[in-house]
Amino acid sequence: MEQILIRNLPPGTKAALRARAQEHHRSLEAEARALLTEAVQGKPATIVDLLAMNPEIEIEFEPEKLGLQARTPEL
């Protein structure tokens, strides 16, 4: 599982999130997770996003699975 730590929230943000969580009968963490998931849902990660991740992570690309084709550059 991935984790993040969010610092320096504007005043009142945590309290508002806690109130929203109570309305939805969730924990504060579950509410934050739901909001973040909803915010990025439907926006697939781009190759730029993947390359900007931790440089120690190795990413293997399989062009065939992505529906990509190699092309010869025109010189």
PDB file of N, CA and C in Angstrom:
ATOM      1  N   MET A   1       0.821  -1.182   0.000  1.00  0.00           N
ATOM      2  CA  MET A   1       0.000   0.000   0.000  1.00  0.00           C
ATOM      3  C   MET A   1       0.866   1.247   0.000  1.00  0.00           C
ATOM      4  N   GLU A   2       0.422   2.238  -0.717  1.00  0.00           N
ATOM      5  CA  GLU A   2       1.139   3.509  -0.754  1.00  0.00           C
ATOM      6  C   GLU A   2       0.635   4.407   0.370  1.00  0.00           C
ATOM      7  N   GLN A   3       1.506   5.286   0.830  1.00  0.00           N
ATOM      8  CA  GLN A   3       1.156   6.197   1.904  1.00  0.00           C
ATOM      9  C   GLN A   3       1.662   7.591   1.587  1.00  0.00           C
ATOM     10  N   ILE A   4       0.962   8.598   2.137  1.00  0.00           N
ATOM     11  CA  ILE A   4       1.441   9.969   2.044  1.00  0.00           C
ATOM     12  C   ILE A   4       1.241  10.644   3.395  1.00  0.00           C
ATOM     13  N   LEU A   5       2.002  11.670   3.638  1.00  0.00           N
ATOM     14  CA  LEU A   5       1.863  12.490   4.823  1.00  0.00           C
ATOM     15  C   LEU A   5       1.634  13.911   4.319  1.00  0.00           C
ATOM     16  N   ILE A   6       0.575  14.534   4.758  1.00  0.00           N
ATOM     17  CA  ILE A   6       0.258  15.886   4.308  1.00  0.00           C
ATOM     18  C   ILE A   6       0.503  16.847   5.461  1.00  0.00           C
ATOM     19  N   ARG A   7       1.392  17.791   5.237  1.00  0.00           N
ATOM     20  CA  ARG A   7       1.736  18.774   6.275  1.00  0.00           C
ATOM     21  C   ARG A   7       1.205  20.147   5.898  1.00  0.00           C
ATOM     22  N   ASN A   8       1.175  21.009   6.882  1.00  0.00           N
ATOM     23  CA  ASN A   8       0.833  22.425   6.691  1.00  0.00           C
ATOM     24  C   ASN A   8      -0.536  22.629   6.057  1.00  0.00           C
ATOM     25  N   LEU A   9      -1.525  21.906   6.541  1.00  0.00           N
ATOM     26  CA  LEU A   9      -2.893  22.125   6.071  1.00  0.00           C
ATOM     27  C   LEU A   9      -3.375  23.485   6.568  1.00  0.00           C
ATOM     28  N   PRO A  10      -4.201  24.157   5.793  1.00  0.00           N
ATOM     29  CA  PRO A  10      -4.761  25.422   6.270  1.00  0.00           C
ATOM     30  C   PRO A  10      -5.565  25.193   7.554  1.00  0.00           C
ATOM     31  N   PRO A  11      -5.633  26.203   8.419  1.00  0.00           N
ATOM     32  CA  PRO A  11      -6.392  26.063   9.669  1.00  0.00           C
ATOM     33  C   PRO A  11      -7.835  25.631   9.392  1.00  0.00           C
ATOM     34  N   GLY A  12      -8.313  24.700  10.189  1.00  0.00           N
ATOM     35  CA  GLY A  12      -9.698  24.240  10.067  1.00  0.00           C
ATOM     36  C   GLY A  12      -9.901  23.096   9.098  1.00  0.00           C
ATOM     37  N   THR A  13      -8.900  22.771   8.304  1.00  0.00           N
ATOM     38  CA  THR A  13      -9.057  21.720   7.301  1.00  0.00           C
ATOM     39  C   THR A  13      -9.296  20.363   7.947  1.00  0.00           C
ATOM     40  N   LYS A  14      -8.507  20.064   8.948  1.00  0.00           N
ATOM     41  CA  LYS A  14      -8.651  18.762   9.611  1.00  0.00           C
ATOM     42  C   LYS A  14     -10.011  18.648  10.293  1.00  0.00           C
ATOM     43  N   ALA A  15     -10.458  19.719  10.933  1.00  0.00           N
ATOM     44  CA  ALA A  15     -11.763  19.708  11.593  1.00  0.00           C
ATOM     45  C   ALA A  15     -12.889  19.537  10.583  1.00  0.00           C
ATOM     46  N   ALA A  16     -12.776  20.217   9.450  1.00  0.00           N
ATOM     47  CA  ALA A  16     -13.795  20.085   8.406  1.00  0.00           C
ATOM     48  C   ALA A  16     -13.805  18.668   7.839  1.00  0.00           C
ATOM     49  N   LEU A  17     -12.635  18.094   7.673  1.00  0.00           N
ATOM     50  CA  LEU A  17     -12.542  16.731   7.166  1.00  0.00           C
ATOM     51  C   LEU A  17     -13.122  15.745   8.177  1.00  0.00           C
ATOM     52  N   ARG A  18     -12.859  15.984   9.456  1.00  0.00           N
ATOM     53  CA  ARG A  18     -13.404  15.112  10.495  1.00  0.00           C
ATOM     54  C   ARG A  18     -14.935  15.184  10.506  1.00  0.00           C
ATOM     55  N   ALA A  19     -15.501  16.399  10.361  1.00  0.00           N
ATOM     56  CA  ALA A  19     -16.959  16.561  10.325  1.00  0.00           C
ATOM     57  C   ALA A  19     -17.548  15.850   9.112  1.00  0.00           C
ATOM     58  N   ARG A  20     -16.880  15.984   7.985  1.00  0.00           N
ATOM     59  CA  ARG A  20     -17.345  15.309   6.763  1.00  0.00           C
ATOM     60  C   ARG A  20     -17.291  13.792   6.930  1.00  0.00           C
ATOM     61  N   ALA A  21     -16.245  13.314   7.582  1.00  0.00           N
ATOM     62  CA  ALA A  21     -16.104  11.878   7.821  1.00  0.00           C
ATOM     63  C   ALA A  21     -17.251  11.368   8.694  1.00  0.00           C
ATOM     64  N   GLN A  22     -17.612  12.133   9.720  1.00  0.00           N
ATOM     65  CA  GLN A  22     -18.718  11.726  10.583  1.00  0.00           C
ATOM     66  C   GLN A  22     -20.027  11.665   9.813  1.00  0.00           C
ATOM     67  N   GLU A  23     -20.231  12.611   8.896  1.00  0.00           N
ATOM     68  CA  GLU A  23     -21.452  12.605   8.074  1.00  0.00           C
ATOM     69  C   GLU A  23     -21.545  11.336   7.226  1.00  0.00           C
ATOM     70  N   HIS A  24     -20.395  10.859   6.776  1.00  0.00           N
ATOM     71  CA  HIS A  24     -20.361   9.666   5.920  1.00  0.00           C
ATOM     72  C   HIS A  24     -20.090   8.383   6.703  1.00  0.00           C
ATOM     73  N   HIS A  25     -20.079   8.498   8.029  1.00  0.00           N
ATOM     74  CA  HIS A  25     -19.847   7.342   8.909  1.00  0.00           C
ATOM     75  C   HIS A  25     -18.530   6.636   8.572  1.00  0.00           C
ATOM     76  N   ARG A  26     -17.480   7.445   8.416  1.00  0.00           N
ATOM     77  CA  ARG A  26     -16.145   6.928   8.118  1.00  0.00           C
ATOM     78  C   ARG A  26     -15.144   7.534   9.083  1.00  0.00           C
ATOM     79  N   SER A  27     -13.976   6.917   9.112  1.00  0.00           N
ATOM     80  CA  SER A  27     -12.878   7.503   9.878  1.00  0.00           C
ATOM     81  C   SER A  27     -12.325   8.689   9.088  1.00  0.00           C
ATOM     82  N   LEU A  28     -11.553   9.511   9.772  1.00  0.00           N
ATOM     83  CA  LEU A  28     -10.914  10.646   9.118  1.00  0.00           C
ATOM     84  C   LEU A  28     -10.037  10.155   7.958  1.00  0.00           C
ATOM     85  N   GLU A  29      -9.272   9.106   8.207  1.00  0.00           N
ATOM     86  CA  GLU A  29      -8.390   8.553   7.178  1.00  0.00           C
ATOM     87  C   GLU A  29      -9.181   8.005   5.994  1.00  0.00           C
ATOM     88  N   ALA A  30     -10.275   7.299   6.272  1.00  0.00           N
ATOM     89  CA  ALA A  30     -11.099   6.744   5.190  1.00  0.00           C
ATOM     90  C   ALA A  30     -11.718   7.860   4.350  1.00  0.00           C
ATOM     91  N   GLU A  31     -12.116   8.947   5.004  1.00  0.00           N
ATOM     92  CA  GLU A  31     -12.701  10.082   4.268  1.00  0.00           C
ATOM     93  C   GLU A  31     -11.656  10.741   3.377  1.00  0.00           C
ATOM     94  N   ALA A  32     -10.463  10.951   3.915  1.00  0.00           N
ATOM     95  CA  ALA A  32      -9.386  11.546   3.110  1.00  0.00           C
ATOM     96  C   ALA A  32      -9.056  10.638   1.932  1.00  0.00           C
ATOM     97  N   ARG A  33      -8.994   9.340   2.176  1.00  0.00           N
ATOM     98  CA  ARG A  33      -8.702   8.375   1.103  1.00  0.00           C
ATOM     99  C   ARG A  33      -9.780   8.443   0.018  1.00  0.00           C
ATOM    100  N   ALA A  34     -11.043   8.502   0.430  1.00  0.00           N
ATOM    101  CA  ALA A  34     -12.141   8.566  -0.533  1.00  0.00           C
ATOM    102  C   ALA A  34     -12.077   9.843  -1.363  1.00  0.00           C
ATOM    103  N   LEU A  35     -11.792  10.972  -0.710  1.00  0.00           N
ATOM    104  CA  LEU A  35     -11.699  12.243  -1.429  1.00  0.00           C
ATOM    105  C   LEU A  35     -10.556  12.246  -2.438  1.00  0.00           C
ATOM    106  N   LEU A  36      -9.411  11.742  -2.025  1.00  0.00           N
ATOM    107  CA  LEU A  36      -8.260  11.697  -2.942  1.00  0.00           C
ATOM    108  C   LEU A  36      -8.523  10.757  -4.114  1.00  0.00           C
ATOM    109  N   THR A  37      -9.098   9.603  -3.823  1.00  0.00           N
ATOM    110  CA  THR A  37      -9.392   8.636  -4.872  1.00  0.00           C
ATOM    111  C   THR A  37     -10.382   9.215  -5.875  1.00  0.00           C
ATOM    112  N   GLU A  38     -11.422   9.869  -5.365  1.00  0.00           N
ATOM    113  CA  GLU A  38     -12.432  10.488  -6.233  1.00  0.00           C
ATOM    114  C   GLU A  38     -11.827  11.600  -7.094  1.00  0.00           C
ATOM    115  N   ALA A  39     -10.904  12.348  -6.524  1.00  0.00           N
ATOM    116  CA  ALA A  39     -10.301  13.484  -7.233  1.00  0.00           C
ATOM    117  C   ALA A  39      -9.465  13.040  -8.427  1.00  0.00           C
ATOM    118  N   VAL A  40      -8.828  11.899  -8.331  1.00  0.00           N
ATOM    119  CA  VAL A  40      -7.953  11.463  -9.427  1.00  0.00           C
ATOM    120  C   VAL A  40      -8.576  10.356 -10.281  1.00  0.00           C
ATOM    121  N   GLN A  41      -9.748   9.896  -9.899  1.00  0.00           N
ATOM    122  CA  GLN A  41     -10.408   8.838 -10.649  1.00  0.00           C
ATOM    123  C   GLN A  41     -10.722   9.306 -12.066  1.00  0.00           C
ATOM    124  N   GLY A  42     -10.472   8.439 -13.018  1.00  0.00           N
ATOM    125  CA  GLY A  42     -10.747   8.769 -14.405  1.00  0.00           C
ATOM    126  C   GLY A  42      -9.621   9.530 -15.081  1.00  0.00           C
ATOM    127  N   LYS A  43      -8.581   9.839 -14.342  1.00  0.00           N
ATOM    128  CA  LYS A  43      -7.427  10.522 -14.911  1.00  0.00           C
ATOM    129  C   LYS A  43      -6.248   9.553 -14.878  1.00  0.00           C
ATOM    130  N   PRO A  44      -6.067   8.788 -15.943  1.00  0.00           N
ATOM    131  CA  PRO A  44      -4.983   7.799 -15.926  1.00  0.00           C
ATOM    132  C   PRO A  44      -3.616   8.467 -15.842  1.00  0.00           C
ATOM    133  N   ALA A  45      -2.704   7.769 -15.214  1.00  0.00           N
ATOM    134  CA  ALA A  45      -1.341   8.274 -15.118  1.00  0.00           C
ATOM    135  C   ALA A  45      -0.720   8.329 -16.508  1.00  0.00           C
ATOM    136  N   THR A  46      -0.048   9.400 -16.797  1.00  0.00           N
ATOM    137  CA  THR A  46       0.625   9.535 -18.084  1.00  0.00           C
ATOM    138  C   THR A  46       2.045   9.000 -17.952  1.00  0.00           C
ATOM    139  N   ILE A  47       2.700   8.845 -19.053  1.00  0.00           N
ATOM    140  CA  ILE A  47       4.086   8.385 -19.027  1.00  0.00           C
ATOM    141  C   ILE A  47       4.960   9.400 -18.291  1.00  0.00           C
ATOM    142  N   VAL A  48       4.614  10.663 -18.377  1.00  0.00           N
ATOM    143  CA  VAL A  48       5.350  11.703 -17.654  1.00  0.00           C
ATOM    144  C   VAL A  48       5.183  11.495 -16.150  1.00  0.00           C
ATOM    145  N   ASP A  49       3.969  11.178 -15.711  1.00  0.00           N
ATOM    146  CA  ASP A  49       3.733  10.911 -14.291  1.00  0.00           C
ATOM    147  C   ASP A  49       4.579   9.732 -13.826  1.00  0.00           C
ATOM    148  N   LEU A  50       4.611   8.676 -14.606  1.00  0.00           N
ATOM    149  CA  LEU A  50       5.370   7.482 -14.239  1.00  0.00           C
ATOM    150  C   LEU A  50       6.859   7.774 -14.163  1.00  0.00           C
ATOM    151  N   LEU A  51       7.367   8.539 -15.115  1.00  0.00           N
ATOM    152  CA  LEU A  51       8.795   8.848 -15.138  1.00  0.00           C
ATOM    153  C   LEU A  51       9.192   9.816 -14.026  1.00  0.00           C
ATOM    154  N   ALA A  52       8.244  10.606 -13.539  1.00  0.00           N
ATOM    155  CA  ALA A  52       8.531  11.565 -12.482  1.00  0.00           C
ATOM    156  C   ALA A  52       8.540  10.921 -11.094  1.00  0.00           C
ATOM    157  N   MET A  53       8.135   9.660 -11.029  1.00  0.00           N
ATOM    158  CA  MET A  53       8.123   8.954  -9.747  1.00  0.00           C
ATOM    159  C   MET A  53       9.542   8.736  -9.255  1.00  0.00           C
ATOM    160  N   ASN A  54       9.662   8.088  -8.159  1.00  0.00           N
ATOM    161  CA  ASN A  54      10.942   7.775  -7.535  1.00  0.00           C
ATOM    162  C   ASN A  54      11.916   7.195  -8.565  1.00  0.00           C
ATOM    163  N   PRO A  55      13.080   7.818  -8.754  1.00  0.00           N
ATOM    164  CA  PRO A  55      14.025   7.336  -9.769  1.00  0.00           C
ATOM    165  C   PRO A  55      14.601   5.957  -9.460  1.00  0.00           C
ATOM    166  N   GLU A  56      14.455   5.496  -8.230  1.00  0.00           N
ATOM    167  CA  GLU A  56      14.964   4.178  -7.876  1.00  0.00           C
ATOM    168  C   GLU A  56      14.024   3.062  -8.316  1.00  0.00           C
ATOM    169  N   ILE A  57      12.792   3.411  -8.661  1.00  0.00           N
ATOM    170  CA  ILE A  57      11.824   2.416  -9.102  1.00  0.00           C
ATOM    171  C   ILE A  57      12.060   2.128 -10.576  1.00  0.00           C
ATOM    172  N   GLU A  58      12.161   0.864 -10.895  1.00  0.00           N
ATOM    173  CA  GLU A  58      12.342   0.482 -12.294  1.00  0.00           C
ATOM    174  C   GLU A  58      10.978   0.282 -12.942  1.00  0.00           C
ATOM    175  N   ILE A  59      10.784   0.918 -14.075  1.00  0.00           N
ATOM    176  CA  ILE A  59       9.527   0.809 -14.798  1.00  0.00           C
ATOM    177  C   ILE A  59       9.803   0.076 -16.098  1.00  0.00           C
ATOM    178  N   GLU A  60       9.060  -0.993 -16.320  1.00  0.00           N
ATOM    179  CA  GLU A  60       9.201  -1.739 -17.569  1.00  0.00           C
ATOM    180  C   GLU A  60       7.996  -1.430 -18.441  1.00  0.00           C
ATOM    181  N   PHE A  61       8.275  -0.988 -19.642  1.00  0.00           N
ATOM    182  CA  PHE A  61       7.203  -0.667 -20.575  1.00  0.00           C
ATOM    183  C   PHE A  61       7.066  -1.783 -21.596  1.00  0.00           C
ATOM    184  N   GLU A  62       5.855  -2.162 -21.854  1.00  0.00           N
ATOM    185  CA  GLU A  62       5.577  -3.162 -22.868  1.00  0.00           C
ATOM    186  C   GLU A  62       4.712  -2.484 -23.936  1.00  0.00           C
ATOM    187  N   PRO A  63       5.343  -1.922 -24.974  1.00  0.00           N
ATOM    188  CA  PRO A  63       4.608  -1.162 -25.987  1.00  0.00           C
ATOM    189  C   PRO A  63       3.428  -1.920 -26.579  1.00  0.00           C
ATOM    190  N   GLU A  64       3.570  -3.228 -26.755  1.00  0.00           N
ATOM    191  CA  GLU A  64       2.482  -3.999 -27.356  1.00  0.00           C
ATOM    192  C   GLU A  64       1.235  -3.949 -26.478  1.00  0.00           C
ATOM    193  N   LYS A  65       1.414  -4.063 -25.165  1.00  0.00           N
ATOM    194  CA  LYS A  65       0.272  -4.031 -24.252  1.00  0.00           C
ATOM    195  C   LYS A  65      -0.368  -2.652 -24.199  1.00  0.00           C
ATOM    196  N   LEU A  66       0.408  -1.624 -24.472  1.00  0.00           N
ATOM    197  CA  LEU A  66      -0.113  -0.264 -24.466  1.00  0.00           C
ATOM    198  C   LEU A  66      -0.730   0.115 -25.806  1.00  0.00           C
ATOM    199  N   GLY A  67      -0.629  -0.776 -26.785  1.00  0.00           N
ATOM    200  CA  GLY A  67      -1.162  -0.485 -28.097  1.00  0.00           C
ATOM    201  C   GLY A  67      -0.289   0.468 -28.884  1.00  0.00           C
ATOM    202  N   LEU A  68       0.992   0.514 -28.550  1.00  0.00           N
ATOM    203  CA  LEU A  68       1.923   1.404 -29.232  1.00  0.00           C
ATOM    204  C   LEU A  68       2.721   0.637 -30.269  1.00  0.00           C
ATOM    205  N   GLN A  69       3.161   1.345 -31.256  1.00  0.00           N
ATOM    206  CA  GLN A  69       3.999   0.741 -32.290  1.00  0.00           C
ATOM    207  C   GLN A  69       5.273   1.556 -32.422  1.00  0.00           C
ATOM    208  N   ALA A  70       6.357   0.858 -32.661  1.00  0.00           N
ATOM    209  CA  ALA A  70       7.626   1.559 -32.906  1.00  0.00           C
ATOM    210  C   ALA A  70       7.572   2.163 -34.301  1.00  0.00           C
ATOM    211  N   ARG A  71       8.213   3.274 -34.461  1.00  0.00           N
ATOM    212  CA  ARG A  71       8.255   3.872 -35.786  1.00  0.00           C
ATOM    213  C   ARG A  71       9.673   4.345 -36.066  1.00  0.00           C
ATOM    214  N   THR A  72      10.008   4.354 -37.313  1.00  0.00           N
ATOM    215  CA  THR A  72      11.336   4.783 -37.734  1.00  0.00           C
ATOM    216  C   THR A  72      11.320   6.293 -37.894  1.00  0.00           C
ATOM    217  N   PRO A  73      12.263   6.987 -37.252  1.00  0.00           N
ATOM    218  CA  PRO A  73      12.288   8.441 -37.388  1.00  0.00           C
ATOM    219  C   PRO A  73      12.671   8.843 -38.813  1.00  0.00           C
ATOM    220  N   GLU A  74      12.070   9.889 -39.262  1.00  0.00           N
ATOM    221  CA  GLU A  74      12.406  10.405 -40.590  1.00  0.00           C
ATOM    222  C   GLU A  74      13.557  11.377 -40.434  1.00  0.00           C
ATOM    223  N   LEU A  75      14.642  11.095 -41.135  1.00  0.00           N
ATOM    224  CA  LEU A  75      15.806  11.971 -41.063  1.00  0.00           C
ATOM    225  C   LEU A  75      15.951  12.793 -42.305  1.00  0.00           C
TER     226      LEU A  75
END
